[in-house]
Amino acid sequence: MVTNLRDAKSRFSELVKLAADGEDVLITVRGEPMVKLTRAVDAARFGDREAWIDGLAEAAAMEQAGNPMATTQAYWDESRTDR
């Protein structure tokens, strides 16, 4: 759906409901596309929350034991040592 800013301001709740139902809403200003309303990313796409929390707890325990887990930055630093 495409709408202009004036209409979007007066129908914002309706447009949010449309976006939440999966319809993209493009808002224009003077005929130029400015903003696109879309449905927020579903949290389930990011995997299991419990596994994520367990991973954080494991990393914290290793850090406290003086055995920090390697980070992405550490991997990059190691790969750049020959440069």
C-alpha atoms as a PDB file:
ATOM      1  CA  MET A   1       0.000   0.000   0.000  1.00  0.00           C
ATOM      2  CA  VAL A   2       1.205   3.531  -0.765  1.00  0.00           C
ATOM      3  CA  THR A   3      -0.057   6.577   1.113  1.00  0.00           C
ATOM      4  CA  ASN A   4       1.044  10.151   1.643  1.00  0.00           C
ATOM      5  CA  LEU A   5       2.157  11.614   4.950  1.00  0.00           C
ATOM      6  CA  ARG A   6      -1.051  13.542   5.606  1.00  0.00           C
ATOM      7  CA  ASP A   7      -3.212  10.434   5.194  1.00  0.00           C
ATOM      8  CA  ALA A   8      -0.735   8.344   7.191  1.00  0.00           C
ATOM      9  CA  LYS A   9      -0.950  10.718  10.155  1.00  0.00           C
ATOM     10  CA  SER A  10      -4.724  10.506  10.235  1.00  0.00           C
ATOM     11  CA  ARG A  11      -4.808   6.703   9.716  1.00  0.00           C
ATOM     12  CA  PHE A  12      -1.662   5.657  11.567  1.00  0.00           C
ATOM     13  CA  SER A  13      -3.314   3.016  13.781  1.00  0.00           C
ATOM     14  CA  GLU A  14      -4.910   1.398  10.755  1.00  0.00           C
ATOM     15  CA  LEU A  15      -1.606   1.411   8.848  1.00  0.00           C
ATOM     16  CA  VAL A  16       0.214  -0.163  11.788  1.00  0.00           C
ATOM     17  CA  LYS A  17      -2.368  -2.951  11.880  1.00  0.00           C
ATOM     18  CA  LEU A  18      -1.921  -3.530   8.135  1.00  0.00           C
ATOM     19  CA  ALA A  19       1.855  -3.701   8.554  1.00  0.00           C
ATOM     20  CA  ALA A  20       1.476  -6.077  11.510  1.00  0.00           C
ATOM     21  CA  ASP A  21      -0.629  -8.331   9.269  1.00  0.00           C
ATOM     22  CA  GLY A  22       2.224  -8.482   6.759  1.00  0.00           C
ATOM     23  CA  GLU A  23       1.363  -5.729   4.290  1.00  0.00           C
ATOM     24  CA  ASP A  24       4.140  -3.234   3.530  1.00  0.00           C
ATOM     25  CA  VAL A  25       3.012   0.384   3.790  1.00  0.00           C
ATOM     26  CA  LEU A  26       5.015   2.993   1.881  1.00  0.00           C
ATOM     27  CA  ILE A  27       4.623   6.592   3.057  1.00  0.00           C
ATOM     28  CA  THR A  28       5.463   9.357   0.609  1.00  0.00           C
ATOM     29  CA  VAL A  29       6.217  13.057   1.066  1.00  0.00           C
ATOM     30  CA  ARG A  30       5.461  15.203  -1.975  1.00  0.00           C
ATOM     31  CA  GLY A  31       5.327  12.060  -4.075  1.00  0.00           C
ATOM     32  CA  GLU A  32       8.760  10.808  -2.977  1.00  0.00           C
ATOM     33  CA  PRO A  33       8.981   7.536  -0.992  1.00  0.00           C
ATOM     34  CA  MET A  34      10.240   8.321   2.519  1.00  0.00           C
ATOM     35  CA  VAL A  35       9.281   5.572   4.976  1.00  0.00           C
ATOM     36  CA  LYS A  36       8.210   1.964   4.770  1.00  0.00           C
ATOM     37  CA  LEU A  37       6.225   0.316   7.562  1.00  0.00           C
ATOM     38  CA  THR A  38       6.780  -3.430   7.796  1.00  0.00           C
ATOM     39  CA  ARG A  39       6.043  -6.107  10.331  1.00  0.00           C
ATOM     40  CA  ALA A  40       8.702  -6.438  13.012  1.00  0.00           C
ATOM     41  CA  VAL A  41      10.943  -9.488  12.809  1.00  0.00           C
ATOM     42  CA  ASP A  42       9.529 -12.454  14.660  1.00  0.00           C
ATOM     43  CA  ALA A  43      11.690 -13.285  17.682  1.00  0.00           C
ATOM     44  CA  ALA A  44      11.377 -17.007  16.897  1.00  0.00           C
ATOM     45  CA  ARG A  45      13.619 -16.477  13.865  1.00  0.00           C
ATOM     46  CA  PHE A  46      16.557 -15.859  16.166  1.00  0.00           C
ATOM     47  CA  GLY A  47      16.518 -19.305  17.695  1.00  0.00           C
ATOM     48  CA  ASP A  48      15.960 -20.650  21.138  1.00  0.00           C
ATOM     49  CA  ARG A  49      16.095 -17.986  23.860  1.00  0.00           C
ATOM     50  CA  GLU A  50      17.030 -20.564  26.481  1.00  0.00           C
ATOM     51  CA  ALA A  51      20.038 -21.720  24.434  1.00  0.00           C
ATOM     52  CA  TRP A  52      21.127 -18.111  24.013  1.00  0.00           C
ATOM     53  CA  ILE A  53      20.924 -17.520  27.782  1.00  0.00           C
ATOM     54  CA  ASP A  54      22.861 -20.748  28.439  1.00  0.00           C
ATOM     55  CA  GLY A  55      25.574 -19.589  26.033  1.00  0.00           C
ATOM     56  CA  LEU A  56      25.863 -16.270  27.823  1.00  0.00           C
ATOM     57  CA  ALA A  57      26.091 -18.001  31.193  1.00  0.00           C
ATOM     58  CA  GLU A  58      28.831 -20.309  29.865  1.00  0.00           C
ATOM     59  CA  ALA A  59      30.809 -17.349  28.507  1.00  0.00           C
ATOM     60  CA  ALA A  60      30.488 -15.518  31.825  1.00  0.00           C
ATOM     61  CA  ALA A  61      31.655 -18.588  33.772  1.00  0.00           C
ATOM     62  CA  MET A  62      34.674 -19.029  31.490  1.00  0.00           C
ATOM     63  CA  GLU A  63      35.562 -15.343  31.841  1.00  0.00           C
ATOM     64  CA  GLN A  64      35.410 -15.568  35.636  1.00  0.00           C
ATOM     65  CA  ALA A  65      37.637 -18.651  35.547  1.00  0.00           C
ATOM     66  CA  GLY A  66      40.240 -16.712  33.572  1.00  0.00           C
ATOM     67  CA  ASN A  67      39.484 -18.619  30.384  1.00  0.00           C
ATOM     68  CA  PRO A  68      37.706 -16.119  28.158  1.00  0.00           C
ATOM     69  CA  MET A  69      35.925 -17.433  25.096  1.00  0.00           C
ATOM     70  CA  ALA A  70      37.402 -16.270  21.805  1.00  0.00           C
ATOM     71  CA  THR A  71      35.457 -13.460  20.237  1.00  0.00           C
ATOM     72  CA  THR A  72      35.033 -12.628  16.585  1.00  0.00           C
ATOM     73  CA  GLN A  73      37.490  -9.791  17.092  1.00  0.00           C
ATOM     74  CA  ALA A  74      40.039 -12.228  18.527  1.00  0.00           C
ATOM     75  CA  TYR A  75      39.732 -14.404  15.429  1.00  0.00           C
ATOM     76  CA  TRP A  76      40.295 -11.368  13.178  1.00  0.00           C
ATOM     77  CA  ASP A  77      43.284 -10.265  15.232  1.00  0.00           C
ATOM     78  CA  GLU A  78      44.873 -13.727  14.969  1.00  0.00           C
ATOM     79  CA  SER A  79      44.310 -13.900  11.215  1.00  0.00           C
ATOM     80  CA  ARG A  80      45.972 -10.498  10.765  1.00  0.00           C
ATOM     81  CA  THR A  81      49.154 -11.240  12.727  1.00  0.00           C
ATOM     82  CA  ASP A  82      51.107 -11.924   9.518  1.00  0.00           C
ATOM     83  CA  ARG A  83      50.219  -8.550   7.980  1.00  0.00           C
END
